[in-house]
Amino acid sequence: MTRLVLRRPHTHAGKALQAGDRIDVEATTADWLIAHGVAAPDAVPPKTEPEPADPKPDLPRSQRKEPKP
């Protein structure tokens, strides 16, 4: 799938979209939309969920000394 940004209003899959909306389409559809000035490649990658922070970061382990016999 190719992610595009619409340059002008467009109906895609029966849904009316406005300029600035982002859509994911097949490569051939993307080529057609770009060639006809309807859309442009999306320069902004989609947002991803940040990975959760490790609640307990690796802390140095203290060494235990064994009692002398």
C-alpha atoms as a PDB file:
ATOM      1  CA  MET A   1       0.000   0.000   0.000  1.00  0.00           C
ATOM      2  CA  THR A   2       1.084   3.527  -0.761  1.00  0.00           C
ATOM      3  CA  ARG A   3       0.193   6.412   1.549  1.00  0.00           C
ATOM      4  CA  LEU A   4      -0.915   9.617  -0.164  1.00  0.00           C
ATOM      5  CA  VAL A   5      -2.066  13.105   0.832  1.00  0.00           C
ATOM      6  CA  LEU A   6      -4.984  14.472  -1.173  1.00  0.00           C
ATOM      7  CA  ARG A   7      -4.411  17.816  -2.900  1.00  0.00           C
ATOM      8  CA  ARG A   8      -8.099  18.380  -3.624  1.00  0.00           C
ATOM      9  CA  PRO A   9     -11.439  16.851  -2.627  1.00  0.00           C
ATOM     10  CA  HIS A  10     -11.874  13.304  -3.877  1.00  0.00           C
ATOM     11  CA  THR A  11     -14.258  10.391  -3.399  1.00  0.00           C
ATOM     12  CA  HIS A  12     -12.441   7.164  -2.604  1.00  0.00           C
ATOM     13  CA  ALA A  13     -14.228   3.853  -1.982  1.00  0.00           C
ATOM     14  CA  GLY A  14     -17.538   5.718  -1.728  1.00  0.00           C
ATOM     15  CA  LYS A  15     -16.253   8.085   0.947  1.00  0.00           C
ATOM     16  CA  ALA A  16     -15.957  11.840   0.328  1.00  0.00           C
ATOM     17  CA  LEU A  17     -12.544  13.108   1.395  1.00  0.00           C
ATOM     18  CA  GLN A  18     -11.107  16.616   1.633  1.00  0.00           C
ATOM     19  CA  ALA A  19      -7.766  18.076   0.595  1.00  0.00           C
ATOM     20  CA  GLY A  20      -5.149  17.215   3.214  1.00  0.00           C
ATOM     21  CA  ASP A  21      -6.712  13.846   4.086  1.00  0.00           C
ATOM     22  CA  ARG A  22      -4.402  10.847   3.943  1.00  0.00           C
ATOM     23  CA  ILE A  23      -5.298   7.573   2.242  1.00  0.00           C
ATOM     24  CA  ASP A  24      -3.610   4.220   1.684  1.00  0.00           C
ATOM     25  CA  VAL A  25      -4.053   2.820  -1.828  1.00  0.00           C
ATOM     26  CA  GLU A  26      -2.550   0.208  -4.146  1.00  0.00           C
ATOM     27  CA  ALA A  27       0.500   1.305  -6.154  1.00  0.00           C
ATOM     28  CA  THR A  28      -1.396   1.525  -9.475  1.00  0.00           C
ATOM     29  CA  THR A  29      -4.128   3.680  -7.927  1.00  0.00           C
ATOM     30  CA  ALA A  30      -1.462   5.872  -6.302  1.00  0.00           C
ATOM     31  CA  ASP A  31       0.234   6.363  -9.669  1.00  0.00           C
ATOM     32  CA  TRP A  32      -3.078   7.421 -11.259  1.00  0.00           C
ATOM     33  CA  LEU A  33      -3.974   9.851  -8.458  1.00  0.00           C
ATOM     34  CA  ILE A  34      -0.505  11.438  -8.559  1.00  0.00           C
ATOM     35  CA  ALA A  35      -0.487  11.675 -12.387  1.00  0.00           C
ATOM     36  CA  HIS A  36      -3.862  13.466 -12.334  1.00  0.00           C
ATOM     37  CA  GLY A  37      -2.821  15.913  -9.587  1.00  0.00           C
ATOM     38  CA  VAL A  38      -5.356  14.556  -7.105  1.00  0.00           C
ATOM     39  CA  ALA A  39      -2.776  13.431  -4.546  1.00  0.00           C
ATOM     40  CA  ALA A  40       0.893  13.549  -3.637  1.00  0.00           C
ATOM     41  CA  PRO A  41       3.111  11.058  -1.818  1.00  0.00           C
ATOM     42  CA  ASP A  42       2.874  11.437   1.951  1.00  0.00           C
ATOM     43  CA  ALA A  43       6.176  12.796   3.231  1.00  0.00           C
ATOM     44  CA  VAL A  44       5.203  12.315   6.884  1.00  0.00           C
ATOM     45  CA  PRO A  45       5.446   8.731   8.104  1.00  0.00           C
ATOM     46  CA  PRO A  46       2.396   7.432   9.963  1.00  0.00           C
ATOM     47  CA  LYS A  47       2.469   7.852  13.717  1.00  0.00           C
ATOM     48  CA  THR A  48       3.428   4.769  15.629  1.00  0.00           C
ATOM     49  CA  GLU A  49       2.759   4.050  19.237  1.00  0.00           C
ATOM     50  CA  PRO A  50       5.872   4.686  21.329  1.00  0.00           C
ATOM     51  CA  GLU A  51       7.265   1.652  23.030  1.00  0.00           C
ATOM     52  CA  PRO A  52       6.416   1.582  26.728  1.00  0.00           C
ATOM     53  CA  ALA A  53       9.240   2.586  29.003  1.00  0.00           C
ATOM     54  CA  ASP A  54      10.809  -0.207  30.989  1.00  0.00           C
ATOM     55  CA  PRO A  55       9.332   0.209  34.478  1.00  0.00           C
ATOM     56  CA  LYS A  56      12.455  -1.243  36.104  1.00  0.00           C
ATOM     57  CA  PRO A  57      15.584  -0.405  34.143  1.00  0.00           C
ATOM     58  CA  ASP A  58      18.515  -2.725  34.557  1.00  0.00           C
ATOM     59  CA  LEU A  59      20.248  -1.710  37.741  1.00  0.00           C
ATOM     60  CA  PRO A  60      23.724  -2.843  38.644  1.00  0.00           C
ATOM     61  CA  ARG A  61      23.595  -5.923  40.799  1.00  0.00           C
ATOM     62  CA  SER A  62      25.366  -5.678  44.106  1.00  0.00           C
ATOM     63  CA  GLN A  63      27.628  -8.554  44.983  1.00  0.00           C
ATOM     64  CA  ARG A  64      27.058 -10.370  48.195  1.00  0.00           C
ATOM     65  CA  LYS A  65      30.036 -11.446  50.196  1.00  0.00           C
ATOM     66  CA  GLU A  66      29.907 -14.844  51.738  1.00  0.00           C
ATOM     67  CA  PRO A  67      30.838 -15.065  55.409  1.00  0.00           C
ATOM     68  CA  LYS A  68      34.284 -16.446  56.183  1.00  0.00           C
ATOM     69  CA  PRO A  69      34.261 -19.965  57.666  1.00  0.00           C
END
